[in-house]
């Protein structure tokens, strides 16, 4: 959650920042509400007509970017109208109140069962899981389970100065894992990028493990470039480590995006519960699960991987409700929308949608490469996501110039630098989602080609001059 400061004009008086309504907005207010502008940073003294309040908020939101043209986000930006209707019907249902809303709870249970089957759980009936507000919460829950299992195995020496838990991961992990390590006092051991390897190396990850390692995180679909991390090879490296040392290190697969792509497009790829070392998996229903934000899912191979003491049971809403979550109340709408989407698409429907996104990504990457100004790091053939940078002979502009200028056309394309040890590499990334069609991709390339003719005439990258750089950094 982004932190915000209070208003810049907290004092009453003539200097207070106010929102002047257009006289034509809303109904006439006999008390004169239409003539008085409401304040921006404190509650108004009295109510406004609903149409006036709506129009004021609506007009301000017009300055937001167009979500459909946001090629930075992995989050779903389009659903069918029927899904929107269902979500509206369920927005007042509290997901935690399973006694009052038993059918919503049943749909959540079915989604967990469907995912267990999709991810090849050896015994879907034994698999435990829950919905979350997104993959960030799901990762936190998975990390908590890993730490608690490690602590129970090492109860004779934890907590102690010598037994500080650590978690091994690639430097490319999503920031939620850094948050987990910070919040739960776990040492983050990160495998850096090297050369053309932009994610975790299995042998390097195994080398970082010791008796205090609670687990290793593998990312199925890196946010930096869309590539899959080699889960099977990681499990093999940890198997070899166990044979040498006796250390039994579990793996968590962060499948925020890829866990809803690989099962349909890469069926032979063994990344899930088919690998015995994989203890838990998470995904974002609101990414390639094709649901509006926010819903995520966390699944554990069996109840043994989720310590019972982490599960709370409450009865003051009626019934006996086991719950494992960082928050409590949240709407049931997104869970219902997830079940609708599972029911609506089925395996073949998901396969068609994800294949279409991958086709668009691969085609768009090829066209961008054909412009001659860019080098591809990935091609969109794993996640429908690819990253590219300027060619070595391009000196007139950089990726931040491209990002800034494309934003003028409405396209939100993130430009950013890679982490250790490739901070020298700055890239652009394009995320192709359901709703980003081949036609829109063609418009994107046309706009990019037009802007390149201007960018090539620059004397040098504006991004290097902080007084001129206004690029969209992500």
Protein backbone atom coordinates (compact mmCIF):
# COMPACT_ATOMS: atom_id res chain seq x y z
CA UNK A 1 0.00 0.00 0.00
CA UNK A 2 1.45 3.35 -1.03
CA UNK A 3 1.99 5.78 1.84
CA UNK A 4 0.49 9.25 1.46
CA UNK A 5 0.98 12.47 3.36
CA UNK A 6 -1.87 14.71 4.40
CA UNK A 7 -3.14 17.69 2.42
CA UNK A 8 -0.91 20.63 1.66
CA UNK A 9 -3.53 23.15 2.76
CA UNK A 10 -4.81 21.94 6.16
CA UNK A 11 -5.88 25.38 7.42
CA UNK A 12 -9.29 26.85 6.89
CA UNK A 13 -9.52 30.17 5.17
CA UNK A 14 -9.23 31.82 1.76
CA UNK A 15 -5.98 29.93 0.91
CA UNK A 16 -7.57 26.54 1.42
CA UNK A 17 -7.47 24.26 -1.63
CA UNK A 18 -11.00 23.67 -2.88
CA UNK A 19 -12.80 21.79 -5.66
CA UNK A 20 -15.03 24.23 -7.57
CA UNK A 21 -18.03 22.41 -9.11
CA UNK A 22 -19.38 23.37 -12.51
CA UNK A 23 -22.80 25.05 -12.03
CA UNK A 24 -24.33 22.56 -14.47
CA UNK A 25 -23.26 19.51 -12.39
CA UNK A 26 -25.88 17.78 -10.30
CA UNK A 27 -29.14 18.90 -8.81
CA UNK A 28 -29.76 22.38 -7.50
CA UNK A 29 -29.18 22.61 -3.76
CA UNK A 30 -31.66 24.94 -2.00
CA UNK A 31 -29.13 25.50 0.79
CA UNK A 32 -26.60 26.78 -1.71
CA UNK A 33 -24.35 23.72 -1.81
CA UNK A 34 -23.76 24.18 -5.53
CA UNK A 35 -22.32 27.63 -4.94
CA UNK A 36 -19.80 26.55 -2.29
CA UNK A 37 -16.76 24.59 -3.36
CA UNK A 38 -15.94 21.57 -1.15
CA UNK A 39 -12.45 21.41 0.37
CA UNK A 40 -9.88 18.94 -0.94
CA UNK A 41 -8.13 17.94 2.27
CA UNK A 42 -10.78 17.91 4.96
CA UNK A 43 -14.34 16.69 5.22
CA UNK A 44 -16.91 19.18 3.91
CA UNK A 45 -19.21 20.73 6.47
CA UNK A 46 -22.28 19.28 4.80
CA UNK A 47 -23.32 16.82 2.09
CA UNK A 48 -23.24 17.35 -1.66
CA UNK A 49 -25.86 16.08 -4.10
CA UNK A 50 -24.78 12.60 -5.32
CA UNK A 51 -24.48 13.64 -8.96
CA UNK A 52 -22.23 16.56 -8.01
CA UNK A 53 -19.98 14.39 -5.87
CA UNK A 54 -19.84 11.80 -8.65
CA UNK A 55 -18.94 14.33 -11.32
CA UNK A 56 -16.17 15.91 -9.24
CA UNK A 57 -14.53 12.53 -8.63
CA UNK A 58 -15.17 11.33 -12.17
CA UNK A 59 -13.55 14.39 -13.73
CA UNK A 60 -10.44 14.08 -11.59
CA UNK A 61 -10.02 10.42 -12.53
CA UNK A 62 -10.06 11.30 -16.22
CA UNK A 63 -6.41 12.31 -15.79
CA UNK A 64 -5.42 8.73 -14.94
CA UNK A 65 -3.84 6.67 -17.70
CA UNK A 66 -5.87 4.29 -19.84
CA UNK A 67 -5.57 0.89 -18.16
CA UNK A 68 -5.88 -0.98 -21.46
CA UNK A 69 -2.79 0.85 -22.77
CA UNK A 70 -0.78 0.18 -19.61
CA UNK A 71 1.90 -2.23 -20.79
CA UNK A 72 3.70 -2.00 -17.43
CA UNK A 73 1.11 -3.82 -15.34
CA UNK A 74 0.58 -7.56 -15.17
CA UNK A 75 -2.89 -6.98 -13.71
CA UNK A 76 -6.05 -7.84 -15.63
CA UNK A 77 -7.63 -4.78 -17.24
CA UNK A 78 -10.58 -6.39 -19.06
CA UNK A 79 -13.29 -8.87 -18.14
CA UNK A 80 -16.59 -9.81 -19.68
CA UNK A 81 -19.63 -7.75 -18.65
CA UNK A 82 -21.19 -10.80 -16.99
CA UNK A 83 -18.21 -11.03 -14.64
CA UNK A 84 -18.68 -7.37 -13.76
CA UNK A 85 -22.34 -8.01 -12.93
CA UNK A 86 -21.43 -10.92 -10.65
CA UNK A 87 -18.80 -8.82 -8.91
CA UNK A 88 -21.30 -6.02 -8.34
CA UNK A 89 -23.73 -8.54 -6.84
CA UNK A 90 -21.07 -9.76 -4.40
CA UNK A 91 -19.23 -6.58 -3.48
CA UNK A 92 -21.08 -6.33 -0.16
CA UNK A 93 -20.27 -9.92 0.89
CA UNK A 94 -17.46 -10.23 3.42
CA UNK A 95 -15.26 -13.14 2.33
CA UNK A 96 -14.31 -13.96 5.91
CA UNK A 97 -17.92 -14.53 6.98
CA UNK A 98 -18.23 -18.07 5.70
CA UNK A 99 -21.18 -18.92 7.92
CA UNK A 100 -23.29 -16.07 6.52
CA UNK A 101 -22.15 -16.58 2.92
CA UNK A 102 -21.66 -20.35 2.62
CA UNK A 103 -21.98 -20.48 -1.16
CA UNK A 104 -19.24 -17.89 -1.63
CA UNK A 105 -17.08 -20.02 0.68
CA UNK A 106 -17.92 -23.08 -1.39
CA UNK A 107 -16.83 -21.35 -4.60
CA UNK A 108 -13.52 -20.49 -2.91
CA UNK A 109 -13.08 -24.15 -1.93
CA UNK A 110 -13.78 -25.24 -5.50
CA UNK A 111 -11.19 -22.81 -6.86
CA UNK A 112 -8.57 -24.26 -4.50
CA UNK A 113 -9.49 -27.78 -5.65
CA UNK A 114 -9.26 -26.74 -9.31
CA UNK A 115 -5.82 -25.22 -8.80
CA UNK A 116 -4.62 -28.29 -6.91
CA UNK A 117 -5.64 -30.43 -9.87
CA UNK A 118 -4.17 -27.98 -12.37
CA UNK A 119 -0.82 -27.98 -10.53
CA UNK A 120 -0.65 -31.79 -10.29
CA UNK A 121 -1.03 -32.16 -6.54
CA UNK A 122 -0.35 -35.82 -5.72
CA UNK A 123 -3.49 -35.92 -3.57
CA UNK A 124 -5.79 -32.98 -4.35
CA UNK A 125 -7.95 -33.89 -1.36
CA UNK A 126 -4.96 -33.43 0.95
CA UNK A 127 -3.88 -30.12 -0.60
CA UNK A 128 -4.73 -27.07 1.49
CA UNK A 129 -5.05 -23.55 0.18
CA UNK A 130 -6.80 -20.23 0.46
CA UNK A 131 -7.58 -17.08 -1.46
CA UNK A 132 -5.69 -13.89 -0.68
CA UNK A 133 -5.78 -10.26 -1.74
CA UNK A 134 -3.04 -11.01 -4.28
CA UNK A 135 0.27 -12.77 -4.72
CA UNK A 136 2.05 -10.47 -2.28
CA UNK A 137 -0.08 -11.71 0.60
CA UNK A 138 0.15 -15.27 -0.71
CA UNK A 139 3.96 -15.02 -0.72
CA UNK A 140 3.94 -13.68 2.83
CA UNK A 141 1.82 -16.64 3.96
CA UNK A 142 4.06 -19.12 2.17
CA UNK A 143 7.14 -17.54 3.71
CA UNK A 144 5.58 -17.66 7.17
CA UNK A 145 4.88 -21.37 6.74
CA UNK A 146 8.46 -22.01 5.61
CA UNK A 147 9.88 -20.13 8.58
CA UNK A 148 7.61 -21.83 11.13
CA UNK A 149 8.41 -25.31 9.77
CA UNK A 150 12.13 -24.49 9.96
CA UNK A 151 11.75 -23.14 13.52
CA UNK A 152 9.98 -26.33 14.65
CA UNK A 153 12.72 -28.48 13.14
CA UNK A 154 15.33 -26.36 14.93
CA UNK A 155 13.50 -25.78 18.20
CA UNK A 156 16.56 -26.84 20.18
CA UNK A 157 18.62 -23.89 18.92
CA UNK A 158 16.10 -21.29 17.70
CA UNK A 159 15.89 -18.49 18.59
CA UNK A 160 19.57 -17.89 19.10
CA UNK A 161 22.23 -15.69 17.59
CA UNK A 162 23.64 -18.65 15.68
CA UNK A 163 20.27 -19.65 14.22
CA UNK A 164 19.15 -16.74 12.13
CA UNK A 165 16.80 -17.99 9.40
CA UNK A 166 17.55 -17.18 5.78
CA UNK A 167 15.66 -17.43 2.50
CA UNK A 168 17.44 -18.00 -0.82
CA UNK A 169 16.13 -16.36 -4.00
CA UNK A 170 17.21 -14.66 -7.17
CA UNK A 171 17.84 -10.93 -7.09
CA UNK A 172 15.00 -10.64 -9.63
CA UNK A 173 12.23 -11.58 -7.17
CA UNK A 174 9.24 -9.33 -6.74
CA UNK A 175 9.61 -6.80 -3.93
CA UNK A 176 7.12 -8.69 -1.74
CA UNK A 177 9.87 -11.20 -0.91
CA UNK A 178 12.16 -8.43 0.28
CA UNK A 179 9.26 -7.17 2.38
CA UNK A 180 8.75 -10.63 3.84
CA UNK A 181 12.39 -10.92 4.85
CA UNK A 182 12.32 -7.44 6.36
CA UNK A 183 9.02 -7.81 8.21
CA UNK A 184 9.66 -11.34 9.53
CA UNK A 185 13.37 -10.92 10.28
CA UNK A 186 14.70 -13.40 7.76
CA UNK A 187 18.03 -12.93 6.03
CA UNK A 188 17.55 -12.53 2.26
CA UNK A 189 20.25 -14.39 0.36
CA UNK A 190 20.02 -13.34 -3.26
CA UNK A 191 21.64 -14.88 -6.31
CA UNK A 192 22.80 -11.97 -8.52
CA UNK A 193 22.40 -11.75 -12.28
CA UNK A 194 25.47 -12.61 -14.33
CA UNK A 195 26.04 -11.92 -18.02
CA UNK A 196 23.03 -13.05 -20.03
CA UNK A 197 21.47 -14.90 -17.07
CA UNK A 198 18.76 -12.65 -15.70
CA UNK A 199 17.37 -14.91 -12.98
CA UNK A 200 18.33 -17.50 -10.38
CA UNK A 201 21.04 -20.10 -11.12
CA UNK A 202 20.25 -23.48 -9.47
CA UNK A 203 23.81 -24.32 -8.43
CA UNK A 204 24.44 -20.82 -7.09
CA UNK A 205 21.19 -21.03 -5.10
CA UNK A 206 22.14 -24.39 -3.60
CA UNK A 207 25.55 -23.00 -2.65
CA UNK A 208 23.87 -20.30 -0.53
CA UNK A 209 21.87 -22.83 1.50
CA UNK A 210 22.84 -23.96 4.99
CA UNK A 211 21.20 -25.36 8.12
CA UNK A 212 19.39 -22.02 8.64
CA UNK A 213 17.79 -21.88 5.19
CA UNK A 214 14.01 -22.02 5.47
CA UNK A 215 13.54 -22.51 1.73
CA UNK A 216 14.37 -21.41 -1.80
CA UNK A 217 12.03 -19.28 -3.90
CA UNK A 218 11.75 -20.00 -7.61
CA UNK A 219 9.94 -17.49 -9.80
CA UNK A 220 7.87 -18.85 -12.65
CA UNK A 221 7.84 -15.71 -14.75
CA UNK A 222 10.26 -12.99 -13.72
CA UNK A 223 8.84 -9.48 -13.61
CA UNK A 224 12.12 -8.18 -15.04
CA UNK A 225 12.00 -10.01 -18.36
CA UNK A 226 9.18 -12.59 -18.35
CA UNK A 227 11.46 -15.62 -18.21
CA UNK A 228 10.77 -18.81 -16.24
CA UNK A 229 13.26 -19.83 -13.60
CA UNK A 230 14.43 -23.48 -13.93
CA UNK A 231 12.39 -25.09 -11.14
CA UNK A 232 13.22 -28.69 -12.07
CA UNK A 233 16.94 -27.94 -12.22
CA UNK A 234 16.73 -26.14 -8.88
CA UNK A 235 15.03 -29.14 -7.29
CA UNK A 236 17.75 -31.41 -8.72
CA UNK A 237 20.47 -29.17 -7.28
CA UNK A 238 18.80 -29.27 -3.86
CA UNK A 239 18.42 -33.07 -4.13
CA UNK A 240 22.17 -33.30 -4.70
CA UNK A 241 22.75 -30.95 -1.76
CA UNK A 242 20.68 -33.22 0.49
CA UNK A 243 22.65 -36.25 -0.62
CA UNK A 244 25.93 -34.48 0.25
CA UNK A 245 24.93 -32.74 3.45
CA UNK A 246 21.60 -34.08 4.67
CA UNK A 247 20.00 -30.63 4.34
CA UNK A 248 16.39 -30.95 3.18
CA UNK A 249 15.48 -27.54 1.72
CA UNK A 250 11.90 -26.99 0.46
CA UNK A 251 11.04 -24.94 -2.62
CA UNK A 252 8.28 -22.38 -2.96
CA UNK A 253 7.25 -21.49 -6.49
CA UNK A 254 6.18 -17.89 -6.93
CA UNK A 255 3.91 -18.42 -9.90
CA UNK A 256 2.26 -14.99 -9.66
CA UNK A 257 1.99 -14.95 -13.45
CA UNK A 258 3.45 -18.17 -14.82
CA UNK A 259 1.36 -20.56 -12.74
CA UNK A 260 -1.63 -19.51 -14.86
CA UNK A 261 0.27 -19.69 -18.15
CA UNK A 262 2.55 -22.75 -18.03
CA UNK A 263 -0.21 -25.30 -17.24
CA UNK A 264 -1.93 -24.41 -20.51
CA UNK A 265 0.93 -23.60 -22.88
CA UNK A 266 3.89 -25.54 -21.43
CA UNK A 267 2.23 -28.72 -20.20
CA UNK A 268 5.42 -30.79 -20.24
CA UNK A 269 7.33 -28.31 -18.08
CA UNK A 270 7.72 -29.86 -14.61
CA UNK A 271 7.64 -26.89 -12.24
CA UNK A 272 4.72 -27.65 -9.91
CA UNK A 273 3.76 -30.35 -7.37
CA UNK A 274 5.11 -32.96 -9.76
CA UNK A 275 8.44 -32.08 -8.18
CA UNK A 276 8.44 -33.55 -4.70
CA UNK A 277 10.56 -30.72 -3.31
CA UNK A 278 7.92 -28.09 -4.18
CA UNK A 279 6.11 -27.47 -0.91
CA UNK A 280 3.89 -24.54 -1.90
CA UNK A 281 2.81 -22.43 -4.87
CA UNK A 282 1.15 -19.06 -5.21
CA UNK A 283 -0.46 -17.26 -8.11
CA UNK A 284 -2.31 -14.03 -8.81
CA UNK A 285 -5.86 -14.57 -9.93
CA UNK A 286 -5.81 -10.94 -10.99
CA UNK A 287 -2.91 -11.41 -13.41
CA UNK A 288 -3.02 -14.24 -15.92
CA UNK A 289 -5.84 -15.73 -13.85
CA UNK A 290 -7.85 -13.12 -15.81
CA UNK A 291 -9.71 -11.52 -12.88
CA UNK A 292 -9.85 -7.86 -11.88
CA UNK A 293 -7.70 -7.02 -8.81
CA UNK A 294 -7.37 -8.17 -6.14
CA UNK A 295 -7.31 -11.89 -5.66
CA UNK A 296 -4.45 -14.33 -5.20
CA UNK A 297 -4.10 -17.97 -4.24
CA UNK A 298 -1.72 -19.91 -2.00
CA UNK A 299 -1.61 -23.71 -1.99
CA UNK A 300 0.43 -26.17 0.07
CA UNK A 301 1.15 -29.74 -1.01
CA UNK A 302 -0.47 -31.08 2.18
CA UNK A 303 -1.39 -30.00 5.69
CA UNK A 304 2.12 -30.99 6.79
CA UNK A 305 3.56 -28.01 4.88
CA UNK A 306 1.22 -25.56 6.63
CA UNK A 307 1.78 -25.64 10.41
CA UNK A 308 -1.52 -25.87 12.25
CA UNK A 309 -0.56 -23.16 14.77
CA UNK A 310 -0.61 -20.57 11.97
CA UNK A 311 -4.30 -21.23 11.34
CA UNK A 312 -6.75 -19.26 13.50
CA UNK A 313 -10.31 -20.26 14.22
CA UNK A 314 -12.97 -17.71 15.06
CA UNK A 315 -16.63 -18.14 15.90
CA UNK A 316 -17.90 -14.65 16.62
CA UNK A 317 -19.30 -14.30 13.10
CA UNK A 318 -21.11 -17.60 13.50
CA UNK A 319 -19.80 -21.10 12.85
CA UNK A 320 -16.20 -22.30 13.21
CA UNK A 321 -14.00 -20.67 10.59
CA UNK A 322 -10.35 -21.59 10.12
CA UNK A 323 -8.49 -18.67 8.58
CA UNK A 324 -4.91 -18.08 7.45
CA UNK A 325 -4.44 -14.54 6.20
CA UNK A 326 -2.72 -11.26 6.96
CA UNK A 327 -5.98 -9.35 6.84
CA UNK A 328 -9.52 -10.22 7.86
CA UNK A 329 -12.39 -8.60 6.02
CA UNK A 330 -12.36 -8.38 2.22
CA UNK A 331 -15.00 -8.63 -0.50
CA UNK A 332 -16.01 -11.95 -1.98
CA UNK A 333 -16.48 -10.43 -5.42
CA UNK A 334 -13.05 -11.33 -6.79
CA UNK A 335 -13.29 -14.95 -5.61
CA UNK A 336 -16.66 -15.27 -7.30
CA UNK A 337 -15.19 -13.73 -10.45
CA UNK A 338 -12.34 -16.27 -10.34
CA UNK A 339 -14.79 -19.15 -10.16
CA UNK A 340 -16.82 -17.61 -12.98
CA UNK A 341 -13.69 -17.39 -15.14
CA UNK A 342 -12.65 -20.98 -14.37
CA UNK A 343 -16.17 -22.15 -15.21
CA UNK A 344 -16.49 -19.92 -18.26
CA UNK A 345 -13.17 -20.78 -19.93
CA UNK A 346 -12.13 -24.23 -18.79
CA UNK A 347 -8.75 -25.59 -19.85
CA UNK A 348 -9.28 -25.03 -23.56
CA UNK A 349 -10.51 -21.48 -23.05
CA UNK A 350 -7.52 -20.58 -20.90
CA UNK A 351 -5.22 -22.21 -23.43
CA UNK A 352 -6.72 -20.12 -26.24
CA UNK A 353 -6.51 -16.85 -24.30
CA UNK A 354 -2.94 -17.37 -23.10
CA UNK A 355 -1.79 -18.58 -26.54
CA UNK A 356 -3.27 -15.45 -28.11
CA UNK A 357 -1.34 -13.28 -25.62
CA UNK A 358 1.88 -15.19 -26.29
CA UNK A 359 1.37 -14.89 -30.05
CA UNK A 360 0.91 -11.13 -29.71
CA UNK A 361 4.01 -10.86 -27.51
CA UNK A 362 6.21 -12.90 -29.85
CA UNK A 363 4.96 -11.04 -32.92
CA UNK A 364 5.41 -7.64 -31.31
CA UNK A 365 8.92 -8.52 -30.10
CA UNK A 366 9.87 -9.59 -33.61
CA UNK A 367 8.57 -6.35 -35.11
CA UNK A 368 10.44 -4.24 -32.53
CA UNK A 369 13.63 -6.16 -33.25
CA UNK A 370 13.09 -5.48 -36.94
CA UNK A 371 13.22 -1.73 -36.36
CA UNK A 372 16.98 -2.07 -35.93
CA UNK A 373 17.27 0.22 -32.90
CA UNK A 374 16.75 -2.40 -30.21
CA UNK A 375 18.11 -5.68 -28.89
CA UNK A 376 15.75 -8.23 -27.34
CA UNK A 377 16.57 -9.80 -23.99
CA UNK A 378 13.53 -12.08 -24.11
CA UNK A 379 10.97 -12.79 -26.83
CA UNK A 380 7.69 -13.40 -25.00
CA UNK A 381 7.84 -17.17 -25.55
CA UNK A 382 7.47 -18.00 -21.84
CA UNK A 383 5.35 -15.36 -20.12
CA UNK A 384 3.71 -13.18 -22.80
CA UNK A 385 6.22 -10.56 -21.67
CA UNK A 386 9.47 -9.38 -23.19
CA UNK A 387 12.25 -6.94 -22.38
CA UNK A 388 14.45 -5.03 -24.79
CA UNK A 389 17.16 -2.40 -24.71
CA UNK A 390 18.71 0.01 -27.19
CA UNK A 391 21.26 -1.40 -29.60
CA UNK A 392 24.94 -0.77 -28.93
CA UNK A 393 25.23 1.76 -31.75
CA UNK A 394 22.27 3.87 -30.56
CA UNK A 395 23.65 6.99 -28.84
CA UNK A 396 21.04 9.67 -29.53
CA UNK A 397 18.52 8.42 -26.95
CA UNK A 398 18.04 5.78 -24.26
CA UNK A 399 15.20 3.62 -22.97
CA UNK A 400 14.00 6.37 -20.63
CA UNK A 401 13.54 8.71 -23.59
CA UNK A 402 11.50 6.04 -25.36
CA UNK A 403 9.34 5.46 -22.29
CA UNK A 404 8.69 9.17 -21.84
CA UNK A 405 7.82 9.79 -25.48
CA UNK A 406 5.57 6.74 -25.76
CA UNK A 407 3.65 7.99 -22.75
CA UNK A 408 2.79 11.09 -24.76
CA UNK A 409 0.87 8.74 -27.06
CA UNK A 410 -0.92 7.10 -24.12
CA UNK A 411 1.30 4.00 -23.89
CA UNK A 412 2.71 3.22 -20.44
CA UNK A 413 5.94 1.31 -21.03
CA UNK A 414 8.24 0.97 -18.01
CA UNK A 415 11.95 1.74 -18.30
CA UNK A 416 14.22 0.55 -15.52
CA UNK A 417 17.67 -0.75 -14.66
CA UNK A 418 18.43 -4.34 -13.76
CA UNK A 419 19.69 -5.30 -10.27
CA UNK A 420 23.08 -6.71 -9.23
CA UNK A 421 25.25 -7.56 -11.06
CA UNK A 422 23.70 -6.01 -14.18
CA UNK A 423 22.99 -2.45 -13.05
CA UNK A 424 24.61 -1.39 -16.29
CA UNK A 425 21.59 -2.68 -18.22
CA UNK A 426 18.54 -0.43 -18.74
CA UNK A 427 15.54 -1.92 -20.47
CA UNK A 428 11.95 -1.45 -21.57
CA UNK A 429 9.37 -4.14 -20.84
CA UNK A 430 6.08 -4.92 -22.56
CA UNK A 431 3.42 -7.05 -20.84
CA UNK A 432 0.86 -8.53 -23.23
CA UNK A 433 -2.41 -9.43 -21.52
CA UNK A 434 -5.87 -10.53 -22.56
CA UNK A 435 -7.39 -7.50 -24.30
CA UNK A 436 -4.10 -6.33 -25.81
CA UNK A 437 -4.84 -7.42 -29.35
CA UNK A 438 -2.67 -7.79 -32.43
CA UNK A 439 -4.39 -4.65 -33.73
CA UNK A 440 -3.33 -2.65 -30.64
CA UNK A 441 0.16 -4.13 -30.93
CA UNK A 442 0.31 -2.84 -34.50
CA UNK A 443 -0.68 0.64 -33.33
CA UNK A 444 2.03 0.43 -30.66
CA UNK A 445 4.73 -0.34 -33.24
CA UNK A 446 3.46 2.41 -35.55
CA UNK A 447 3.68 4.98 -32.74
CA UNK A 448 7.12 3.71 -31.75
CA UNK A 449 8.39 3.93 -35.31
CA UNK A 450 7.12 7.52 -35.67
CA UNK A 451 8.79 8.57 -32.43
CA UNK A 452 12.08 6.94 -33.38
CA UNK A 453 12.41 9.28 -36.33
CA UNK A 454 12.41 12.18 -33.85
CA UNK A 455 14.52 10.47 -31.20
CA UNK A 456 17.27 9.67 -33.69
CA UNK A 457 17.74 13.42 -34.23
CA UNK A 458 18.52 14.11 -30.55
CA UNK A 459 22.03 15.07 -29.56
CA UNK A 460 22.01 12.59 -26.71
CA UNK A 461 19.75 10.90 -24.16
CA UNK A 462 17.72 13.35 -22.10
CA UNK A 463 17.49 10.75 -19.38
CA UNK A 464 21.09 11.45 -18.43
CA UNK A 465 20.23 15.06 -17.59
CA UNK A 466 18.09 14.89 -14.46
CA UNK A 467 16.89 18.45 -15.04
CA UNK A 468 15.23 17.35 -18.29
CA UNK A 469 14.38 13.72 -17.63
CA UNK A 470 10.72 13.09 -16.97
CA UNK A 471 10.57 9.47 -18.07
CA UNK A 472 8.13 7.02 -16.52
CA UNK A 473 10.44 5.06 -14.21
CA UNK A 474 8.96 1.80 -12.99
